[in-house]
Amino acid sequence: MPGSGPLYALVPGGKALSAQFSYQALKGAGIGMALASFPRAADPAPTLAAVRDVLVTLARDGADPALVEASKQQELAQLAFATDSVSGLARAWGTALTVRGAASPDEMAQAYAAVTPADVNRVAQQMLALDYAVTAVLTPQGSGRPTSNAQF
């Protein structure tokens, strides 16, 4: 949920300019990314350490049940709103059948609704193992002139 949780708390706490976690979960595979930004001239080490601390603490102590419930409600609302149009309904059915391995969007909604904090904590302990994390620090460098699409 944007704007809440311990990772986002790094922002008002002055440890990051922005912070978020994004994921793409598929049956049998997935990827998650914790992202945080820091001032261009600053040392990235403190921000990286703060993000790692949040992830280690989450894996060790578990997620706040209220945040789990809020995330479930957000997923359910997004699924419901997606089916408000013909194209959205087609996309929801396609996702259910081909990506999520469900028989229908309703089955996906039932699966989302059945998630418990214990489920989230079990997966967090497995998936937030920092021994397998890849860390990258991206620092933009200005060229002093405008760029064009031709450079990409």
Protein backbone atom coordinates (compact mmCIF):
# COMPACT_ATOMS: atom_id res chain seq x y z
CA MET A 1 0.00 0.00 0.00
CA PRO A 2 1.59 3.27 -1.04
CA GLY A 3 2.32 5.68 1.77
CA SER A 4 2.31 3.22 4.64
CA GLY A 5 4.47 0.59 6.24
CA PRO A 6 8.02 0.45 7.52
CA LEU A 7 9.71 0.88 4.14
CA TYR A 8 7.77 4.04 3.36
CA ALA A 9 8.51 5.27 6.91
CA LEU A 10 12.12 5.79 5.80
CA VAL A 11 10.91 8.88 3.89
CA PRO A 12 9.41 10.96 6.73
CA GLY A 13 12.21 9.58 8.92
CA GLY A 14 14.74 11.34 6.68
CA LYS A 15 16.52 8.13 5.62
CA ALA A 16 15.31 8.17 1.98
CA LEU A 17 13.78 10.62 -0.48
CA SER A 18 11.36 7.92 -1.64
CA ALA A 19 10.89 4.24 -0.92
CA GLN A 20 8.69 1.48 -2.26
CA PHE A 21 8.44 -2.24 -2.80
CA SER A 22 7.17 -3.65 -6.04
CA TYR A 23 6.63 -7.24 -6.99
CA GLN A 24 5.44 -9.51 -9.74
CA ALA A 25 4.29 -12.82 -8.33
CA LEU A 26 3.59 -15.71 -10.63
CA LYS A 27 2.83 -19.33 -9.89
CA GLY A 28 6.20 -20.90 -9.09
CA ALA A 29 8.22 -17.73 -9.73
CA GLY A 30 8.33 -14.05 -9.05
CA ILE A 31 10.45 -10.99 -8.44
CA GLY A 32 10.39 -8.33 -5.78
CA MET A 33 12.27 -5.04 -5.67
CA ALA A 34 12.82 -2.72 -2.76
CA LEU A 35 13.60 0.73 -4.16
CA ALA A 36 14.81 3.78 -2.31
CA SER A 37 16.21 7.07 -3.54
CA PHE A 38 18.76 9.33 -1.91
CA PRO A 39 20.27 12.73 -2.75
CA ARG A 40 22.62 12.65 -5.74
CA ALA A 41 25.75 13.74 -3.87
CA ALA A 42 25.03 11.60 -0.79
CA ASP A 43 26.61 8.31 0.24
CA PRO A 44 24.14 5.50 -0.63
CA ALA A 45 25.36 3.26 2.22
CA PRO A 46 23.05 4.63 4.96
CA THR A 47 19.97 4.36 2.71
CA LEU A 48 20.94 0.84 1.65
CA ALA A 49 21.48 -0.16 5.29
CA ALA A 50 18.09 1.27 6.28
CA VAL A 51 16.30 -0.65 3.50
CA ARG A 52 18.09 -3.87 4.44
CA ASP A 53 17.12 -3.34 8.09
CA VAL A 54 13.45 -2.98 7.13
CA LEU A 55 13.54 -6.19 5.08
CA VAL A 56 15.39 -8.18 7.77
CA THR A 57 12.97 -6.94 10.44
CA LEU A 58 9.95 -7.83 8.30
CA ALA A 59 11.28 -11.33 7.66
CA ARG A 60 12.09 -11.81 11.35
CA ASP A 61 9.09 -10.14 13.05
CA GLY A 62 6.39 -10.43 10.40
CA ALA A 63 4.04 -7.95 8.77
CA ASP A 64 1.56 -5.77 10.58
CA PRO A 65 -1.81 -7.59 10.29
CA ALA A 66 -3.54 -4.26 9.60
CA LEU A 67 -1.27 -3.68 6.59
CA VAL A 68 -1.95 -7.21 5.34
CA GLU A 69 -5.69 -6.55 5.54
CA ALA A 70 -5.34 -3.17 3.83
CA SER A 71 -3.28 -4.74 1.03
CA LYS A 72 -5.89 -7.47 0.56
CA GLN A 73 -8.64 -4.87 0.30
CA GLN A 74 -6.59 -2.90 -2.24
CA GLU A 75 -6.04 -6.01 -4.41
CA LEU A 76 -9.73 -6.93 -4.22
CA ALA A 77 -10.79 -3.38 -5.11
CA GLN A 78 -8.40 -3.26 -8.07
CA LEU A 79 -9.74 -6.57 -9.34
CA ALA A 80 -13.34 -5.40 -8.95
CA PHE A 81 -12.68 -2.07 -10.68
CA ALA A 82 -10.80 -3.82 -13.49
CA THR A 83 -13.93 -5.73 -14.43
CA ASP A 84 -16.01 -2.54 -14.86
CA SER A 85 -15.26 -2.41 -18.59
CA VAL A 86 -15.32 -4.95 -21.40
CA SER A 87 -11.57 -4.67 -21.95
CA GLY A 88 -10.91 -4.82 -18.20
CA LEU A 89 -13.11 -7.88 -17.84
CA ALA A 90 -11.28 -9.59 -20.72
CA ARG A 91 -7.93 -8.72 -19.14
CA ALA A 92 -9.07 -10.04 -15.74
CA TRP A 93 -10.19 -13.33 -17.29
CA GLY A 94 -6.94 -13.62 -19.27
CA THR A 95 -4.86 -12.96 -16.16
CA ALA A 96 -6.88 -15.44 -14.10
CA LEU A 97 -6.57 -18.21 -16.66
CA THR A 98 -3.06 -17.72 -18.01
CA VAL A 99 -1.06 -16.00 -15.28
CA ARG A 100 -2.66 -16.89 -11.95
CA GLY A 101 -3.79 -20.43 -12.75
CA ALA A 102 -7.30 -19.65 -11.55
CA ALA A 103 -10.56 -20.70 -13.19
CA SER A 104 -12.01 -17.16 -13.08
CA PRO A 105 -11.50 -13.67 -11.68
CA ASP A 106 -13.85 -14.66 -8.84
CA GLU A 107 -11.51 -17.52 -7.93
CA MET A 108 -8.62 -15.04 -7.86
CA ALA A 109 -10.64 -12.80 -5.53
CA GLN A 110 -11.36 -15.75 -3.23
CA ALA A 111 -7.64 -16.57 -3.14
CA TYR A 112 -6.74 -12.96 -2.28
CA ALA A 113 -9.41 -12.84 0.43
CA ALA A 114 -8.09 -16.06 1.99
CA VAL A 115 -4.56 -14.70 2.56
CA THR A 116 -3.69 -14.40 6.24
CA PRO A 117 -0.91 -12.54 8.05
CA ALA A 118 0.61 -15.97 8.80
CA ASP A 119 0.73 -16.67 5.04
CA VAL A 120 2.46 -13.34 4.39
CA ASN A 121 4.95 -13.91 7.19
CA ARG A 122 5.79 -17.44 6.00
CA VAL A 123 6.48 -16.19 2.48
CA ALA A 124 8.42 -13.16 3.78
CA GLN A 125 10.74 -15.43 5.77
CA GLN A 126 11.45 -17.45 2.63
CA MET A 127 11.62 -14.68 0.05
CA LEU A 128 13.34 -11.87 1.92
CA ALA A 129 16.54 -13.86 2.41
CA LEU A 130 19.13 -11.19 1.69
CA ASP A 131 21.74 -13.85 0.94
CA TYR A 132 20.19 -13.98 -2.54
CA ALA A 133 19.61 -10.25 -3.00
CA VAL A 134 21.12 -8.29 -5.86
CA THR A 135 21.97 -4.70 -4.97
CA ALA A 136 22.43 -1.90 -7.48
CA VAL A 137 23.11 1.77 -6.91
CA LEU A 138 22.11 3.89 -9.89
CA THR A 139 23.51 7.40 -9.96
CA PRO A 140 22.39 9.65 -12.80
CA GLN A 141 25.03 11.81 -14.43
CA GLY A 142 23.99 14.97 -16.20
CA SER A 143 25.52 15.66 -19.60
CA GLY A 144 24.85 19.38 -19.49
CA ARG A 145 22.66 19.24 -22.59
CA PRO A 146 19.23 17.86 -23.52
CA THR A 147 19.00 14.26 -24.68
CA SER A 148 16.98 12.91 -27.56
CA ASN A 149 15.21 9.62 -28.13
CA ALA A 150 17.79 8.80 -30.80
CA GLN A 151 20.30 8.01 -28.03
CA PHE A 152 18.19 5.14 -26.74
